[in-house]
C-alpha atoms as a PDB file:
ATOM      1  CA  MET A   1      93.153 101.418 136.595  1.00  0.00           C
ATOM      2  CA  LYS A   2      91.518 104.240 138.534  1.00  0.00           C
ATOM      3  CA  CYS A   3      90.928 107.775 137.327  1.00  0.00           C
ATOM      4  CA  PRO A   4      93.287 110.079 139.267  1.00  0.00           C
ATOM      5  CA  PHE A   5      90.675 112.863 139.163  1.00  0.00           C
ATOM      6  CA  CYS A   6      87.413 111.231 140.259  1.00  0.00           C
ATOM      7  CA  GLY A   7      88.483 107.763 141.426  1.00  0.00           C
ATOM      8  CA  SER A   8      86.230 105.913 138.975  1.00  0.00           C
ATOM      9  CA  GLU A   9      87.263 102.531 137.639  1.00  0.00           C
ATOM     10  CA  ARG A  10      85.035 102.899 134.567  1.00  0.00           C
ATOM     11  CA  ILE A  11      87.839 103.434 132.069  1.00  0.00           C
ATOM     12  CA  ALA A  12      87.424 102.809 128.326  1.00  0.00           C
ATOM     13  CA  LYS A  13      90.817 101.571 127.121  1.00  0.00           C
ATOM     14  CA  GLU A  14      92.692 101.659 123.807  1.00  0.00           C
ATOM     15  CA  ILE A  15      90.550 104.270 122.046  1.00  0.00           C
ATOM     16  CA  ALA A  16      92.263 105.082 118.729  1.00  0.00           C
ATOM     17  CA  TRP A  17      92.725 108.704 117.673  1.00  0.00           C
ATOM     18  CA  GLY A  18      91.511 109.697 114.224  1.00  0.00           C
ATOM     19  CA  LYS A  19      89.776 112.278 112.054  1.00  0.00           C
ATOM     20  CA  THR A  20      86.065 112.216 111.324  1.00  0.00           C
ATOM     21  CA  ALA A  21      86.572 112.126 107.547  1.00  0.00           C
ATOM     22  CA  GLU A  22      89.636 109.823 107.755  1.00  0.00           C
ATOM     23  CA  THR A  23      91.533 112.249 105.499  1.00  0.00           C
ATOM     24  CA  GLY A  24      95.072 112.167 106.758  1.00  0.00           C
ATOM     25  CA  ASN A  25      96.782 110.982 109.878  1.00  0.00           C
ATOM     26  CA  VAL A  26      96.589 112.118 113.486  1.00  0.00           C
ATOM     27  CA  GLY A  27      99.380 111.142 115.837  1.00  0.00           C
ATOM     28  CA  LEU A  28     102.964 111.772 116.812  1.00  0.00           C
ATOM     29  CA  LYS A  29     105.231 112.745 113.917  1.00  0.00           C
ATOM     30  CA  TYR A  30     108.725 111.394 113.314  1.00  0.00           C
ATOM     31  CA  LYS A  31     111.378 111.527 110.594  1.00  0.00           C
ATOM     32  CA  THR A  32     111.528 108.271 108.677  1.00  0.00           C
ATOM     33  CA  GLY A  33     115.000 108.906 107.282  1.00  0.00           C
ATOM     34  CA  GLY A  34     113.659 108.028 103.872  1.00  0.00           C
ATOM     35  CA  PHE A  35     113.684 109.877 100.563  1.00  0.00           C
ATOM     36  CA  LEU A  36     113.494 113.709 100.859  1.00  0.00           C
ATOM     37  CA  GLY A  37     113.142 113.633 104.644  1.00  0.00           C
ATOM     38  CA  ALA A  38     109.843 111.789 104.708  1.00  0.00           C
ATOM     39  CA  VAL A  39     107.630 112.057 107.780  1.00  0.00           C
ATOM     40  CA  GLY A  40     105.772 109.215 109.485  1.00  0.00           C
ATOM     41  CA  VAL A  41     102.942 109.310 111.994  1.00  0.00           C
ATOM     42  CA  VAL A  42     102.456 106.872 114.865  1.00  0.00           C
ATOM     43  CA  GLN A  43      98.908 105.897 115.852  1.00  0.00           C
ATOM     44  CA  VAL A  44      98.000 107.260 119.299  1.00  0.00           C
ATOM     45  CA  TYR A  45      95.579 105.626 121.740  1.00  0.00           C
ATOM     46  CA  SER A  46      93.947 106.972 124.908  1.00  0.00           C
ATOM     47  CA  ASP A  47      92.218 105.592 127.976  1.00  0.00           C
ATOM     48  CA  LEU A  48      89.120 107.632 128.873  1.00  0.00           C
ATOM     49  CA  CYS A  49      87.283 107.945 132.201  1.00  0.00           C
ATOM     50  CA  LEU A  50      83.607 107.408 131.400  1.00  0.00           C
ATOM     51  CA  ASP A  51      82.452 109.282 134.506  1.00  0.00           C
ATOM     52  CA  CYS A  52      84.400 112.582 134.454  1.00  0.00           C
ATOM     53  CA  ARG A  53      85.344 112.353 130.723  1.00  0.00           C
ATOM     54  CA  THR A  54      89.062 112.882 131.382  1.00  0.00           C
ATOM     55  CA  ILE A  55      91.721 111.362 129.158  1.00  0.00           C
ATOM     56  CA  VAL A  56      93.611 109.411 131.782  1.00  0.00           C
ATOM     57  CA  ARG A  57      96.461 108.210 129.590  1.00  0.00           C
ATOM     58  CA  SER A  58      97.673 108.595 125.999  1.00  0.00           C
ATOM     59  CA  TYR A  59     100.199 106.214 124.483  1.00  0.00           C
ATOM     60  CA  ILE A  60     101.570 104.483 121.389  1.00  0.00           C
ATOM     61  CA  LYS A  61     102.058 100.768 120.800  1.00  0.00           C
ATOM     62  CA  GLU A  62     104.998 101.063 118.381  1.00  0.00           C
ATOM     63  CA  ASP A  63     108.689 101.259 119.136  1.00  0.00           C
ATOM     64  CA  ALA A  64     109.479 104.621 120.762  1.00  0.00           C
ATOM     65  CA  GLU A  65     113.060 104.823 119.447  1.00  0.00           C
ATOM     66  CA  LYS A  66     112.349 107.266 116.621  1.00  0.00           C
ATOM     67  CA  GLU A  67     113.585 110.693 115.577  1.00  0.00           C
ATOM     68  CA  TRP A  68     110.542 112.595 116.885  1.00  0.00           C
ATOM     69  CA  ILE A  69     109.542 115.927 115.331  1.00  0.00           C
ATOM     70  CA  HIS A  70     108.978 118.592 117.977  1.00  0.00           C
ATOM     71  CA  LYS A  71     107.881 121.463 115.695  1.00  0.00           C
ATOM     72  CA  PRO A  72     104.144 122.004 115.262  1.00  0.00           C
ATOM     73  CA  GLY A  73     102.686 122.420 111.804  1.00  0.00           C
ATOM     74  CA  SER A  74     101.006 120.616 109.000  1.00  0.00           C
ATOM     75  CA  PHE A  75     101.780 116.983 108.125  1.00  0.00           C
ATOM     76  CA  GLY A  76     104.989 117.533 106.187  1.00  0.00           C
ATOM     77  CA  THR A  77     106.434 120.376 108.286  1.00  0.00           C
ATOM     78  CA  ARG A  78     109.898 119.671 109.612  1.00  0.00           C
END
């Protein structure tokens, strides 16, 4: 993989997103369909160009067929 911005091939792959204090979840939110409209979060990963420090790609490894939540807000916001 090459960086589309600087052409470098020095790409760090599969870097997991997270919080520094590990208090909560960072990722894409979706409705689980469970009790009281529960919300789930999918782990997000990125590939990072080590030369120009650009996130080249962000992605998930789970099934993408979910009822994604498009509204911003805190964890439980629907």
